[in-house]
Amino acid sequence: MLSHLSIKNYATVESLEIEFQPGMSVITGETGAGKSIILGALGFTLGDRADKSIVRPGASRADIVAEFSISDIKSAQSWLADNDLILESDPYQCMLRRIVNHDGRSRGYINGSPVTLNNLKDLGDTLMDIHGQHEHHSLLQRATHQRLLDDFGVDQKLSNNLLSTWKQWQTNHKKLTALRNQTSESTAQSQLLAYQLSEIEELNVKDGELEQLDAEFKALSHADETLSVVQRALEECDGDEQSLANQISQITQRLRSLTANAEALKPAIALMEAAEIQLSEAVNELLSFGEGFQADPERLETVNRRLGALHDLARKHKVPASELGQLIIDLRDQLSRFENFDTELEQLQANDDLLREQHYKLATEMSEQRRRAAKKLEKAVNSELDHLGMPHAEMIVTLAASAGDVPSQQGHESVEFLVSTNPGQVAKSLSKVASGGELSRISLAIQVITAQVSETPSLVFDEVDVGIGGGVAKVVGKMLRQLGKNTQIICVTHQAQVAGQGHHHFYVSKSAHSDSTVTSVLALKDDQIVREIARMLAGKEFSEESLAHAQQLVANIN
């Protein structure tokens, strides 16, 4: 539901703040005062195109904000959640904002986040439907016809099952198509994978082999240098009188011979003794290493060839040599998938056949329900059109079979509302036949019939009473008021009989100053409403009789 509309520097509006309530709100005022300007501003927040002409002369930009309460609008909540635009401070409030600069460029925002024009339109379609001489008019879209008919007479569970089955079929069909497209390449690819796998497996790569070979190669390639360094270390540690072992032994003996500070030197002597033992153990380790280590040119050549083969293969497959083991696993997996190609293709084809059959049954059942619903909707809407002063108008609901046998999320057919407004006239699409006022009344008739199942929380009617007399205007007013019991209605009207039915009343006026014209809006109460309706009946110079008539119109609201 629209709760607040803020308009700044838009056309003749300098600044307006309007609070809206549930029920039927009427907007009245003299011709040219700016009533439709308010709805135009609202349309811009819902994604209508803008240009620089809408910016108030002398202002740098127009700024329009529409706030909605969406606690009962599941579709809007889902859209905001899917697009990560929920207002954290109040998830059941939604704010649409549109800024139009003096150069014609505009920016859109949802809950403070910048969005595209299409985002505003998509969300706007879940929040409000504007009926009248506006570009933003859902009844001109065939998708709306489909939704209205299905909401009116098709079981919701059936619709959900059809949509779910279609989505499953579409997902399976994409996989099936992709797999079929691989058919011509599968044999050659399978042969290539088999060759690559056999080539790698022939090397018999073992876990950790590369690291082991690298270490062995380094050791073997520096064997002579290693043995030389080890031999020299042995000589320096335990060779002659100048060796480390001999020097440490002599130092230890001299320290033991000291008696003056024997007690204080005990820790140092113990460490020297330990060093002597450690050195002796190190010498033994070097001796053991020297006895077991040999330079082996033949082994070095063998290791070098093995490493070369591993690295050559890795370069060929463009992977690090350390990942050859993982490459084998990947190639085996790919080859396994190709080997199971026929089995997977058969399964996907079986799924396709099954889902097509399920979709056909559901769509056929939906077609039956649509045909019955179309007759009922035609009859009910045409009856309302008669009440609305269009006795010769006839709406026809057409069901056009979809081409081909490809499952569709709509079922077997598409829906379109056609209309004939004069006797003998061939029924055509709404956009080609109906005038602005006729289209508004046709929309009203359809909305009256489908209101009990409509998901649109706010309906706007711009001058639905154009070209109708007082008796029909009264019927229109009662229809709108009836709709207002379950749906928020905002109606711009010139008819007192319509205005008298409103739950809320806004009066739009325009005042001229020396250098500008300003539009303002006043929420009327009680006697103010009566006087405004009297003005609508008889003009500015209304009489006591007009006041009495106006009071009667307001008093007769039921």
Protein backbone atom coordinates (compact mmCIF):
# COMPACT_ATOMS: atom_id res chain seq x y z
CA MET A 1 0.00 0.00 0.00
CA LEU A 2 1.21 3.51 -0.84
CA SER A 3 1.68 5.33 2.45
CA HIS A 4 3.53 8.53 1.56
CA LEU A 5 4.38 10.53 -1.55
CA SER A 6 6.94 13.34 -1.55
CA ILE A 7 7.28 15.54 -4.64
CA LYS A 8 9.84 18.34 -5.02
CA ASN A 9 10.39 20.60 -8.02
CA TYR A 10 8.29 18.50 -10.39
CA ALA A 11 6.43 20.50 -13.11
CA THR A 12 4.36 23.10 -11.22
CA VAL A 13 4.89 21.40 -7.86
CA GLU A 14 7.44 23.10 -5.65
CA SER A 15 7.07 20.80 -2.64
CA LEU A 16 4.31 18.36 -1.65
CA GLU A 17 3.99 15.77 1.09
CA ILE A 18 0.90 13.52 0.83
CA GLU A 19 -0.07 10.84 3.34
CA PHE A 20 -2.25 8.06 1.91
CA GLN A 21 -4.50 5.64 3.78
CA PRO A 22 -6.24 2.34 2.97
CA GLY A 23 -9.54 2.54 1.14
CA MET A 24 -10.59 4.83 -1.69
CA SER A 25 -8.82 8.19 -2.00
CA VAL A 26 -10.17 10.70 -4.50
CA ILE A 27 -8.20 13.57 -5.99
CA THR A 28 -10.18 16.52 -7.32
CA GLY A 29 -9.58 20.09 -8.41
CA GLU A 30 -10.20 22.45 -11.25
CA THR A 31 -9.02 21.61 -14.77
CA GLY A 32 -5.30 22.33 -15.12
CA ALA A 33 -4.69 22.48 -11.38
CA GLY A 34 -2.23 19.58 -11.54
CA LYS A 35 -4.18 16.48 -10.51
CA SER A 36 -2.61 14.25 -13.14
CA ILE A 37 0.78 15.75 -12.39
CA ILE A 38 0.66 13.99 -9.03
CA LEU A 39 0.00 10.64 -10.72
CA GLY A 40 2.68 11.40 -13.29
CA ALA A 41 5.20 11.92 -10.50
CA LEU A 42 4.11 8.65 -8.94
CA GLY A 43 4.56 6.93 -12.29
CA PHE A 44 8.17 8.10 -12.47
CA THR A 45 8.98 6.36 -9.20
CA LEU A 46 7.56 3.20 -10.79
CA GLY A 47 9.92 3.40 -13.75
CA ASP A 48 8.28 5.67 -16.33
CA ARG A 49 10.71 7.48 -18.61
CA ALA A 50 11.65 11.03 -17.70
CA ASP A 51 13.02 14.08 -19.49
CA LYS A 52 14.24 17.49 -18.43
CA SER A 53 10.85 19.13 -19.13
CA ILE A 54 9.47 17.72 -15.87
CA VAL A 55 11.93 19.70 -13.74
CA ARG A 56 10.37 22.82 -12.27
CA PRO A 57 11.74 25.97 -13.99
CA GLY A 58 14.62 27.41 -12.00
CA ALA A 59 15.29 24.15 -10.10
CA SER A 60 18.36 21.96 -10.61
CA ARG A 61 16.47 18.70 -10.24
CA ALA A 62 13.14 17.03 -9.47
CA ASP A 63 13.08 14.62 -6.52
CA ILE A 64 10.18 12.19 -6.01
CA VAL A 65 9.89 9.62 -3.22
CA ALA A 66 7.11 7.03 -2.84
CA GLU A 67 6.94 4.97 0.36
CA PHE A 68 5.02 1.70 0.51
CA SER A 69 3.97 -0.64 3.28
CA ILE A 70 4.63 -4.19 2.02
CA SER A 71 3.72 -6.29 5.07
CA ASP A 72 1.00 -8.02 3.01
CA ILE A 73 2.80 -8.04 -0.36
CA LYS A 74 4.71 -11.31 -0.52
CA SER A 75 5.81 -10.76 -4.13
CA ALA A 76 7.46 -7.43 -3.25
CA GLN A 77 9.15 -8.97 -0.20
CA SER A 78 10.51 -11.80 -2.34
CA TRP A 79 11.74 -9.40 -5.04
CA LEU A 80 13.58 -7.26 -2.48
CA ALA A 81 15.11 -10.34 -0.85
CA ASP A 82 16.23 -11.78 -4.21
CA ASN A 83 17.90 -8.48 -5.08
CA ASP A 84 19.37 -7.90 -1.60
CA LEU A 85 17.46 -4.63 -1.20
CA ILE A 86 15.46 -5.27 1.99
CA LEU A 87 15.43 -2.31 4.38
CA GLU A 88 17.10 -3.75 7.50
CA SER A 89 15.59 -1.18 9.85
CA ASP A 90 12.06 -2.08 8.70
CA PRO A 91 11.73 -5.03 6.27
CA TYR A 92 8.03 -4.27 5.71
CA GLN A 93 8.66 -0.77 4.35
CA CYS A 94 9.85 0.02 0.84
CA MET A 95 10.98 3.38 -0.52
CA LEU A 96 11.23 4.15 -4.25
CA ARG A 97 13.06 7.34 -5.22
CA ARG A 98 13.63 9.01 -8.58
CA ILE A 99 15.82 12.05 -9.20
CA VAL A 100 15.68 13.84 -12.57
CA ASN A 101 18.35 16.45 -13.29
CA HIS A 102 17.77 19.61 -15.30
CA ASP A 103 19.67 18.02 -18.21
CA GLY A 104 17.21 15.09 -18.36
CA ARG A 105 19.44 12.46 -16.78
CA SER A 106 17.82 10.52 -13.97
CA ARG A 107 18.76 8.16 -11.14
CA GLY A 108 16.62 5.59 -9.38
CA TYR A 109 16.89 4.21 -5.84
CA ILE A 110 15.20 1.42 -3.91
CA ASN A 111 15.60 1.67 -0.14
CA GLY A 112 18.53 4.02 -0.67
CA SER A 113 20.45 1.77 -3.08
CA PRO A 114 20.95 2.85 -6.71
CA VAL A 115 19.05 0.68 -9.20
CA THR A 116 18.20 0.54 -12.90
CA LEU A 117 15.00 1.73 -14.51
CA ASN A 118 14.02 -1.89 -15.12
CA ASN A 119 14.47 -2.61 -11.40
CA LEU A 120 11.98 0.15 -10.58
CA LYS A 121 9.54 -1.23 -13.16
CA ASP A 122 9.85 -4.81 -11.94
CA LEU A 123 9.27 -3.90 -8.31
CA GLY A 124 6.65 -1.30 -9.23
CA ASP A 125 4.56 -3.96 -10.97
CA THR A 126 4.18 -5.76 -7.63
CA LEU A 127 3.23 -2.57 -5.76
CA MET A 128 0.82 -0.60 -7.91
CA ASP A 129 -1.16 -0.62 -11.14
CA ILE A 130 -1.95 2.72 -12.79
CA HIS A 131 -5.00 2.79 -15.05
CA GLY A 132 -5.53 5.72 -17.33
CA GLN A 133 -3.82 7.63 -20.10
CA HIS A 134 -0.35 6.58 -18.97
CA GLU A 135 2.41 4.57 -20.52
CA HIS A 136 2.64 2.54 -17.32
CA HIS A 137 -0.42 0.38 -17.90
CA SER A 138 -0.29 -3.32 -17.18
CA LEU A 139 -3.60 -4.11 -18.91
CA LEU A 140 -1.94 -3.44 -22.27
CA GLN A 141 0.49 -6.28 -21.58
CA ARG A 142 -0.61 -9.78 -22.61
CA ALA A 143 1.23 -11.25 -19.63
CA THR A 144 -1.27 -9.39 -17.43
CA HIS A 145 -4.18 -11.00 -19.29
CA GLN A 146 -2.72 -14.43 -18.62
CA ARG A 147 -2.23 -13.67 -14.94
CA LEU A 148 -5.70 -12.19 -14.49
CA LEU A 149 -7.44 -15.13 -16.16
CA ASP A 150 -5.40 -17.70 -14.23
CA ASP A 151 -5.96 -15.86 -10.95
CA PHE A 152 -9.66 -15.71 -11.73
CA GLY A 153 -10.36 -19.30 -12.69
CA VAL A 154 -7.32 -21.63 -12.54
CA ASP A 155 -6.47 -23.66 -9.46
CA GLN A 156 -3.34 -22.16 -7.88
CA LYS A 157 -1.93 -25.58 -7.01
CA LEU A 158 -2.27 -26.62 -10.65
CA SER A 159 -0.47 -23.46 -11.79
CA ASN A 160 2.36 -24.07 -9.33
CA ASN A 161 2.72 -27.71 -10.41
CA LEU A 162 2.84 -26.71 -14.07
CA LEU A 163 5.51 -24.07 -13.42
CA SER A 164 7.56 -26.48 -11.29
CA THR A 165 7.37 -29.21 -13.96
CA TRP A 166 8.33 -26.76 -16.68
CA LYS A 167 11.39 -25.60 -14.70
CA GLN A 168 12.48 -29.22 -14.17
CA TRP A 169 12.02 -29.94 -17.88
CA GLN A 170 13.97 -26.81 -18.85
CA THR A 171 16.91 -27.75 -16.60
CA ASN A 172 16.96 -31.34 -17.89
CA HIS A 173 16.58 -30.15 -21.51
CA LYS A 174 19.62 -27.88 -21.23
CA LYS A 175 21.72 -30.80 -19.97
CA LEU A 176 20.37 -33.06 -22.72
CA THR A 177 21.10 -30.49 -25.44
CA ALA A 178 24.61 -29.87 -24.13
CA LEU A 179 25.34 -33.60 -24.04
CA ARG A 180 24.00 -34.12 -27.55
CA ASN A 181 26.19 -31.32 -28.86
CA GLN A 182 29.20 -33.21 -27.56
CA THR A 183 28.35 -36.36 -29.55
CA SER A 184 30.50 -35.56 -32.59
CA GLU A 185 33.49 -34.76 -30.42
CA SER A 186 33.09 -37.51 -27.86
CA THR A 187 34.82 -40.35 -29.76
CA ALA A 188 37.91 -38.32 -30.67
CA GLN A 189 38.08 -36.82 -27.20
CA SER A 190 37.73 -40.25 -25.60
CA GLN A 191 40.58 -41.63 -27.73
CA LEU A 192 42.79 -38.69 -26.86
CA LEU A 193 42.11 -39.10 -23.15
CA ALA A 194 42.85 -42.83 -23.33
CA TYR A 195 46.18 -42.16 -25.08
CA GLN A 196 47.16 -39.45 -22.59
CA LEU A 197 46.26 -41.67 -19.67
CA SER A 198 48.21 -44.66 -20.98
CA GLU A 199 51.23 -42.43 -21.62
CA ILE A 200 51.24 -41.19 -18.03
CA GLU A 201 50.45 -44.54 -16.50
CA GLU A 202 53.35 -46.07 -18.46
CA LEU A 203 55.72 -43.95 -16.38
CA ASN A 204 54.23 -45.53 -13.23
CA VAL A 205 54.46 -42.34 -11.18
CA LYS A 206 54.50 -43.11 -7.44
CA ASP A 207 53.39 -40.89 -4.57
CA GLY A 208 56.30 -38.79 -3.29
CA GLU A 209 58.62 -40.06 -6.02
CA LEU A 210 59.45 -36.63 -7.41
CA GLU A 211 60.55 -35.27 -4.06
CA GLN A 212 62.64 -38.37 -3.37
CA LEU A 213 64.32 -38.21 -6.80
CA ASP A 214 65.06 -34.50 -6.41
CA ALA A 215 66.80 -35.13 -3.09
CA GLU A 216 68.77 -38.09 -4.48
CA PHE A 217 69.79 -36.13 -7.55
CA LYS A 218 71.16 -33.29 -5.46
CA ALA A 219 73.09 -35.73 -3.28
CA LEU A 220 74.57 -37.69 -6.19
CA SER A 221 75.47 -34.64 -8.24
CA HIS A 222 77.57 -33.31 -5.30
CA ALA A 223 79.05 -36.67 -4.19
CA ASP A 224 82.76 -35.83 -4.63
CA GLU A 225 82.38 -32.49 -2.89
CA THR A 226 80.46 -34.14 -0.06
CA LEU A 227 83.06 -36.86 0.52
CA SER A 228 85.86 -34.28 0.47
CA VAL A 229 84.15 -32.10 3.05
CA VAL A 230 83.39 -35.11 5.29
CA GLN A 231 87.00 -36.37 5.13
CA ARG A 232 88.38 -32.97 6.02
CA ALA A 233 85.90 -32.68 8.89
CA LEU A 234 87.10 -36.06 10.23
CA GLU A 235 90.70 -34.96 10.04
CA GLU A 236 89.98 -31.69 11.84
CA CYS A 237 87.90 -33.35 14.51
CA ASP A 238 89.96 -36.48 15.26
CA GLY A 239 93.08 -36.63 13.20
CA ASP A 240 96.34 -35.47 14.84
CA GLU A 241 97.44 -33.59 17.94
CA GLN A 242 95.87 -30.41 16.57
CA SER A 243 92.43 -31.97 16.13
CA LEU A 244 89.43 -30.68 18.00
CA ALA A 245 89.09 -33.89 19.98
CA ASN A 246 92.68 -33.68 21.22
CA GLN A 247 92.40 -29.96 22.06
CA ILE A 248 89.16 -30.42 24.02
CA SER A 249 90.72 -33.35 25.92
CA GLN A 250 93.77 -31.29 26.88
CA ILE A 251 91.65 -28.33 27.99
CA THR A 252 89.51 -30.62 30.13
CA GLN A 253 92.59 -32.15 31.81
CA ARG A 254 94.06 -28.73 32.61
CA LEU A 255 90.80 -27.59 34.17
CA ARG A 256 90.64 -30.72 36.31
CA SER A 257 94.19 -30.05 37.57
CA LEU A 258 93.16 -26.76 39.13
CA THR A 259 92.45 -27.15 42.84
CA ALA A 260 92.05 -23.54 43.91
CA ASN A 261 88.66 -23.09 42.24
CA ALA A 262 87.73 -26.67 41.65
CA GLU A 263 84.19 -26.33 42.95
CA ALA A 264 83.37 -23.27 40.85
CA LEU A 265 84.79 -24.83 37.68
CA LYS A 266 82.74 -28.02 37.93
CA PRO A 267 79.95 -26.75 35.57
CA ALA A 268 82.47 -25.70 32.93
CA ILE A 269 84.33 -29.02 33.23
CA ALA A 270 81.03 -30.92 32.88
CA LEU A 271 80.19 -29.01 29.70
CA MET A 272 83.63 -29.67 28.26
CA GLU A 273 83.25 -33.37 29.02
CA ALA A 274 79.86 -33.32 27.33
CA ALA A 275 81.36 -31.56 24.30
CA GLU A 276 84.02 -34.23 24.13
CA ILE A 277 81.38 -36.93 24.11
CA GLN A 278 79.26 -35.07 21.52
CA LEU A 279 82.26 -34.59 19.27
CA SER A 280 83.12 -38.28 19.53
CA GLU A 281 79.58 -39.17 18.49
CA ALA A 282 79.74 -36.72 15.58
CA VAL A 283 82.99 -38.34 14.41
CA ASN A 284 81.33 -41.76 14.51
CA GLU A 285 78.41 -40.45 12.45
CA LEU A 286 80.79 -38.96 9.85
CA LEU A 287 82.70 -42.25 9.66
CA SER A 288 79.47 -44.17 9.18
CA PHE A 289 78.31 -41.74 6.48
CA GLY A 290 81.66 -41.94 4.67
CA GLU A 291 81.60 -45.72 4.66
CA GLY A 292 78.04 -45.89 3.29
CA PHE A 293 78.15 -43.02 0.80
CA GLN A 294 79.67 -43.52 -2.61
CA ALA A 295 79.72 -41.55 -5.81
CA ASP A 296 77.58 -43.49 -8.33
CA PRO A 297 77.63 -41.93 -11.81
CA GLU A 298 75.37 -44.64 -13.24
CA ARG A 299 72.70 -44.05 -10.56
CA LEU A 300 73.02 -40.31 -11.10
CA GLU A 301 72.34 -40.78 -14.81
CA THR A 302 69.33 -43.05 -14.05
CA VAL A 303 67.83 -40.48 -11.65
CA ASN A 304 68.47 -37.66 -14.09
CA ARG A 305 66.69 -39.50 -16.91
CA ARG A 306 63.72 -40.29 -14.67
CA LEU A 307 63.39 -36.67 -13.56
CA GLY A 308 63.67 -35.50 -17.16
CA ALA A 309 60.90 -37.85 -18.25
CA LEU A 310 58.59 -36.66 -15.46
CA HIS A 311 59.21 -32.98 -16.16
CA ASP A 312 58.83 -33.43 -19.95
CA LEU A 313 55.46 -35.09 -19.44
CA ALA A 314 54.37 -32.36 -17.03
CA ARG A 315 55.29 -29.65 -19.54
CA LYS A 316 53.40 -31.51 -22.27
CA HIS A 317 50.24 -31.44 -20.17
CA LYS A 318 50.94 -27.94 -18.85
CA VAL A 319 50.91 -28.90 -15.19
CA PRO A 320 53.60 -28.78 -12.48
CA ALA A 321 55.48 -32.10 -12.23
CA SER A 322 54.25 -32.40 -8.64
CA GLU A 323 50.64 -32.58 -9.94
CA LEU A 324 51.10 -35.55 -12.29
CA GLY A 325 49.36 -37.81 -9.81
CA GLN A 326 46.30 -35.54 -9.72
CA LEU A 327 46.38 -35.33 -13.53
CA ILE A 328 46.02 -39.10 -13.71
CA ILE A 329 42.96 -38.93 -11.43
CA ASP A 330 41.41 -36.14 -13.54
CA LEU A 331 41.99 -37.97 -16.82
CA ARG A 332 40.47 -41.15 -15.43
CA ASP A 333 37.39 -39.18 -14.29
CA GLN A 334 37.00 -37.53 -17.71
CA LEU A 335 37.43 -40.84 -19.52
CA SER A 336 34.89 -42.45 -17.20
CA ARG A 337 32.34 -39.77 -18.04
CA PHE A 338 32.81 -40.37 -21.76
CA GLU A 339 32.52 -44.09 -21.23
CA ASN A 340 29.23 -43.46 -19.41
CA PHE A 341 28.10 -41.00 -22.09
CA ASP A 342 25.46 -43.27 -23.62
CA THR A 343 24.04 -44.19 -20.21
CA GLU A 344 23.73 -40.54 -19.17
CA LEU A 345 22.20 -39.57 -22.51
CA GLU A 346 19.60 -42.32 -22.18
CA GLN A 347 18.72 -41.19 -18.66
CA LEU A 348 18.35 -37.55 -19.69
CA GLN A 349 16.19 -38.54 -22.66
CA ALA A 350 13.99 -40.67 -20.40
CA ASN A 351 13.63 -37.71 -18.02
CA ASP A 352 12.74 -35.47 -20.96
CA ASP A 353 10.01 -37.83 -22.13
CA LEU A 354 8.59 -38.19 -18.62
CA LEU A 355 8.58 -34.45 -17.89
CA ARG A 356 7.03 -33.65 -21.26
CA GLU A 357 4.25 -36.12 -20.52
CA GLN A 358 3.66 -34.66 -17.05
CA HIS A 359 3.69 -31.12 -18.46
CA TYR A 360 1.21 -32.08 -21.21
CA LYS A 361 -1.25 -33.54 -18.70
CA LEU A 362 -1.03 -30.51 -16.40
CA ALA A 363 -1.26 -28.04 -19.30
CA THR A 364 -4.27 -29.89 -20.73
CA GLU A 365 -6.05 -29.69 -17.39
CA MET A 366 -5.15 -26.00 -17.17
CA SER A 367 -6.52 -25.43 -20.69
CA GLU A 368 -9.89 -26.85 -19.62
CA GLN A 369 -9.99 -24.60 -16.58
CA ARG A 370 -8.97 -21.58 -18.68
CA ARG A 371 -11.72 -22.20 -21.23
CA ARG A 372 -14.35 -22.35 -18.50
CA ALA A 373 -12.88 -19.32 -16.72
CA ALA A 374 -12.73 -17.32 -19.98
CA LYS A 375 -16.49 -17.69 -20.54
CA LYS A 376 -17.27 -16.69 -16.96
CA LEU A 377 -14.90 -13.71 -17.07
CA GLU A 378 -16.30 -12.50 -20.41
CA LYS A 379 -19.86 -12.65 -19.11
CA ALA A 380 -19.07 -10.90 -15.82
CA VAL A 381 -16.93 -8.14 -17.36
CA ASN A 382 -19.41 -7.43 -20.17
CA SER A 383 -22.16 -7.10 -17.57
CA GLU A 384 -20.09 -4.54 -15.69
CA LEU A 385 -19.33 -2.66 -18.93
CA ASP A 386 -23.06 -2.30 -19.49
CA HIS A 387 -23.38 -0.75 -16.02
CA LEU A 388 -20.46 1.55 -16.83
CA GLY A 389 -22.17 3.14 -19.81
CA MET A 390 -20.64 0.92 -22.50
CA PRO A 391 -23.67 -1.23 -23.47
CA HIS A 392 -22.27 -2.05 -26.92
CA ALA A 393 -18.79 -2.96 -25.67
CA GLU A 394 -17.82 -6.59 -25.59
CA MET A 395 -14.68 -8.17 -24.21
CA ILE A 396 -13.56 -11.51 -25.61
CA VAL A 397 -10.96 -13.70 -23.95
CA THR A 398 -8.94 -15.51 -26.61
CA LEU A 399 -6.77 -18.57 -26.06
CA ALA A 400 -4.15 -18.91 -28.79
CA ALA A 401 -2.45 -22.30 -29.02
CA SER A 402 1.32 -22.19 -28.65
CA ALA A 403 3.34 -23.12 -31.72
CA GLY A 404 5.24 -26.43 -31.74
CA ASP A 405 5.41 -29.06 -29.06
CA VAL A 406 8.00 -27.45 -26.80
CA PRO A 407 6.72 -27.21 -23.20
CA SER A 408 5.94 -23.67 -22.08
CA GLN A 409 5.62 -22.19 -18.63
CA GLN A 410 2.24 -20.77 -19.74
CA GLY A 411 0.90 -24.15 -20.81
CA HIS A 412 -0.66 -24.94 -24.20
CA GLU A 413 -1.81 -21.42 -24.99
CA SER A 414 -1.36 -17.70 -24.50
CA VAL A 415 -4.19 -15.45 -23.34
CA GLU A 416 -5.26 -12.10 -24.76
CA PHE A 417 -8.21 -9.84 -24.02
CA LEU A 418 -9.80 -8.43 -27.17
CA VAL A 419 -12.51 -5.78 -27.19
CA SER A 420 -15.11 -4.34 -29.49
CA THR A 421 -16.59 -1.00 -28.40
CA ASN A 422 -19.19 -0.56 -31.15
CA PRO A 423 -21.77 -2.89 -32.78
CA GLY A 424 -20.36 -4.78 -35.76
CA GLN A 425 -16.78 -3.85 -34.91
CA VAL A 426 -14.25 -6.68 -35.02
CA ALA A 427 -12.73 -7.33 -31.62
CA LYS A 428 -9.12 -6.16 -31.48
CA SER A 429 -6.41 -5.74 -28.86
CA LEU A 430 -7.05 -3.14 -26.18
CA SER A 431 -4.23 -0.88 -27.30
CA LYS A 432 -5.69 -0.62 -30.83
CA VAL A 433 -9.37 -0.14 -30.02
CA ALA A 434 -10.04 1.50 -26.69
CA SER A 435 -9.62 5.22 -26.05
CA GLY A 436 -8.13 6.43 -22.78
CA GLY A 437 -11.48 6.77 -21.02
CA GLU A 438 -12.81 3.50 -22.46
CA LEU A 439 -9.66 1.67 -21.47
CA SER A 440 -9.97 2.96 -17.91
CA ARG A 441 -13.56 1.71 -17.64
CA ILE A 442 -12.68 -1.65 -19.20
CA SER A 443 -9.85 -1.92 -16.70
CA LEU A 444 -12.22 -1.01 -13.91
CA ALA A 445 -14.72 -3.66 -14.98
CA ILE A 446 -12.02 -6.33 -15.09
CA GLN A 447 -10.58 -5.26 -11.74
CA VAL A 448 -14.02 -5.35 -10.10
CA ILE A 449 -14.46 -8.95 -11.19
CA THR A 450 -10.94 -10.12 -10.35
CA ALA A 451 -10.41 -8.00 -7.22
CA GLN A 452 -11.10 -10.89 -4.87
CA VAL A 453 -8.02 -12.72 -6.20
CA SER A 454 -5.89 -9.79 -7.37
CA GLU A 455 -2.40 -9.54 -5.90
CA THR A 456 -1.98 -5.85 -6.79
CA PRO A 457 -2.33 -3.95 -3.49
CA SER A 458 -2.85 -0.45 -4.95
CA LEU A 459 -4.86 0.57 -8.00
CA VAL A 460 -4.75 4.07 -9.51
CA PHE A 461 -7.48 5.30 -11.86
CA ASP A 462 -6.90 8.53 -13.75
CA GLU A 463 -10.17 10.08 -14.90
CA VAL A 464 -12.09 6.82 -15.33
CA ASP A 465 -15.25 8.91 -15.58
CA VAL A 466 -14.34 10.72 -18.82
CA GLY A 467 -17.34 10.92 -21.12
CA ILE A 468 -19.92 9.38 -18.79
CA GLY A 469 -23.05 10.85 -17.28
CA GLY A 470 -24.14 11.23 -13.71
CA GLY A 471 -25.93 7.89 -13.43
CA VAL A 472 -22.98 5.90 -14.73
CA ALA A 473 -20.59 8.03 -12.68
CA LYS A 474 -22.46 6.98 -9.56
CA VAL A 475 -22.01 3.33 -10.56
CA VAL A 476 -18.30 3.93 -11.12
CA GLY A 477 -18.01 5.56 -7.72
CA LYS A 478 -19.73 2.63 -6.00
CA MET A 479 -17.49 0.17 -7.84
CA LEU A 480 -14.36 2.00 -6.76
CA ARG A 481 -15.55 2.24 -3.17
CA GLN A 482 -16.34 -1.47 -3.19
CA LEU A 483 -12.85 -2.18 -4.50
CA GLY A 484 -11.45 0.05 -1.76
CA LYS A 485 -12.63 -2.36 0.92
CA ASN A 486 -9.85 -4.80 0.00
CA THR A 487 -7.54 -2.75 -2.21
CA GLN A 488 -6.12 0.74 -1.92
CA ILE A 489 -7.76 2.91 -4.59
CA ILE A 490 -6.45 6.30 -5.73
CA CYS A 491 -8.75 8.02 -8.21
CA VAL A 492 -8.46 11.32 -10.08
CA THR A 493 -11.99 12.40 -10.98
CA HIS A 494 -14.08 15.26 -12.33
CA GLN A 495 -17.37 13.65 -11.32
CA ALA A 496 -19.03 14.62 -8.06
CA GLN A 497 -20.84 11.26 -7.98
CA VAL A 498 -17.46 9.49 -7.95
CA ALA A 499 -15.79 11.88 -5.51
CA GLY A 500 -18.70 11.53 -3.08
CA GLN A 501 -17.89 7.82 -2.67
CA GLY A 502 -14.34 8.34 -1.42
CA HIS A 503 -13.07 7.34 1.99
CA HIS A 504 -10.49 10.14 1.73
CA HIS A 505 -10.48 13.33 -0.33
CA PHE A 506 -7.58 15.45 -1.63
CA TYR A 507 -8.09 18.82 -3.29
CA VAL A 508 -5.50 20.05 -5.80
CA SER A 509 -5.21 23.77 -6.52
CA LYS A 510 -2.87 26.02 -8.46
CA SER A 511 -1.81 29.53 -7.57
CA ALA A 512 -0.01 32.00 -9.81
CA HIS A 513 2.72 34.28 -8.49
CA SER A 514 4.67 37.01 -10.19
CA ASP A 515 7.31 34.67 -11.57
CA SER A 516 5.92 31.14 -11.05
CA THR A 517 2.90 28.85 -10.73
CA VAL A 518 2.61 26.52 -7.75
CA THR A 519 0.44 23.41 -7.32
CA SER A 520 -0.62 22.44 -3.80
CA VAL A 521 -2.70 19.63 -2.25
CA LEU A 522 -5.05 19.81 0.73
CA ALA A 523 -6.58 16.83 2.56
CA LEU A 524 -10.25 17.72 2.99
CA LYS A 525 -12.45 16.89 5.97
CA ASP A 526 -16.20 16.89 6.60
CA ASP A 527 -17.67 20.25 5.46
CA GLN A 528 -14.70 20.86 3.19
CA ILE A 529 -15.57 17.69 1.26
CA VAL A 530 -19.19 18.77 0.91
CA ARG A 531 -18.21 22.20 -0.41
CA GLU A 532 -15.76 20.69 -2.92
CA ILE A 533 -18.41 18.29 -4.23
CA ALA A 534 -20.84 21.23 -4.49
CA ARG A 535 -18.20 23.05 -6.57
CA MET A 536 -17.89 20.02 -8.83
CA LEU A 537 -21.67 20.00 -9.29
CA ALA A 538 -22.23 23.70 -9.99
CA GLY A 539 -18.88 25.49 -10.33
CA LYS A 540 -17.30 28.12 -8.10
CA GLU A 541 -20.56 30.02 -7.63
CA PHE A 542 -22.43 27.04 -6.20
CA SER A 543 -25.82 27.52 -4.54
CA GLU A 544 -27.55 26.22 -1.44
CA GLU A 545 -29.21 23.63 -3.67
CA SER A 546 -25.77 22.44 -4.80
CA LEU A 547 -24.64 22.17 -1.18
CA ALA A 548 -27.76 20.18 -0.34
CA HIS A 549 -27.16 17.89 -3.30
CA ALA A 550 -23.52 17.45 -2.24
CA GLN A 551 -24.56 16.63 1.32
CA GLN A 552 -26.99 14.07 -0.06
CA LEU A 553 -24.26 12.43 -2.17
CA VAL A 554 -21.97 12.12 0.85
CA ALA A 555 -24.76 11.00 3.17
CA ASN A 556 -25.90 8.24 0.79
CA ILE A 557 -22.54 6.43 0.88
CA ASN A 558 -23.07 2.82 1.87
